[in-house]
Amino acid sequence: MAYLDEIQLKEMGFKSVGENVKISDKASFYGCDNISIGNNVRIDDFCVFSAGEG
């Protein structure tokens, strides 16, 4: 499984990203500007995250 690197995570535009974050390049995200990811998080293939306003 391939994970996104720090630069790729930053380019996605998340509200915030913690330390020790591993996100598969096959995961899908919508509304990244409304998503905060904490520390010690791993998100594997085919996970879908969708965040709206609020």
Protein backbone atom coordinates (compact mmCIF):
# COMPACT_ATOMS: atom_id res chain seq x y z
CA MET A 1 0.00 0.00 0.00
CA ALA A 2 1.33 3.43 -0.94
CA TYR A 3 0.88 6.33 1.46
CA LEU A 4 0.72 10.04 0.67
CA ASP A 5 3.78 12.02 1.73
CA GLU A 6 3.75 15.24 3.79
CA ILE A 7 3.74 17.50 0.72
CA GLN A 8 0.78 15.64 -0.82
CA LEU A 9 -1.15 15.85 2.46
CA LYS A 10 -0.50 19.60 2.66
CA GLU A 11 -1.64 20.10 -0.96
CA MET A 12 -4.97 18.40 -0.24
CA GLY A 13 -5.97 21.34 1.94
CA PHE A 14 -6.99 19.65 5.20
CA LYS A 15 -8.05 21.95 8.04
CA SER A 16 -5.25 20.37 10.12
CA VAL A 17 -3.04 17.28 10.09
CA GLY A 18 -1.35 15.82 13.18
CA GLU A 19 1.88 13.88 13.58
CA ASN A 20 2.45 10.30 12.41
CA VAL A 21 -0.37 10.34 9.83
CA LYS A 22 -0.49 7.66 7.13
CA ILE A 23 -3.12 7.97 4.40
CA SER A 24 -3.42 5.58 1.48
CA ASP A 25 -3.25 7.10 -1.99
CA LYS A 26 -6.44 5.09 -2.73
CA ALA A 27 -8.54 6.79 -0.02
CA SER A 28 -11.04 9.47 -1.14
CA PHE A 29 -11.66 12.83 0.52
CA TYR A 30 -14.30 15.48 -0.19
CA GLY A 31 -14.44 18.82 1.61
CA CYS A 32 -10.87 18.57 2.94
CA ASP A 33 -11.00 22.15 4.21
CA ASN A 34 -13.52 20.91 6.81
CA ILE A 35 -11.54 17.80 7.87
CA SER A 36 -9.07 17.71 10.78
CA ILE A 37 -6.87 14.64 11.22
CA GLY A 38 -5.33 13.99 14.64
CA ASN A 39 -2.09 12.29 15.68
CA ASN A 40 -1.25 8.62 15.04
CA VAL A 41 -3.89 8.12 12.34
CA ARG A 42 -3.85 5.52 9.58
CA ILE A 43 -6.44 5.59 6.76
CA ASP A 44 -6.30 2.62 4.41
CA ASP A 45 -7.40 1.89 0.83
CA PHE A 46 -10.96 2.64 -0.29
CA CYS A 47 -11.99 4.70 2.76
CA VAL A 48 -14.23 7.64 1.86
CA PHE A 49 -14.42 10.83 3.94
CA SER A 50 -16.90 13.55 3.10
CA ALA A 51 -17.31 16.76 5.10
CA GLY A 52 -19.81 19.50 4.44
CA GLU A 53 -20.26 22.92 5.98
CA GLY A 54 -20.73 22.95 9.72
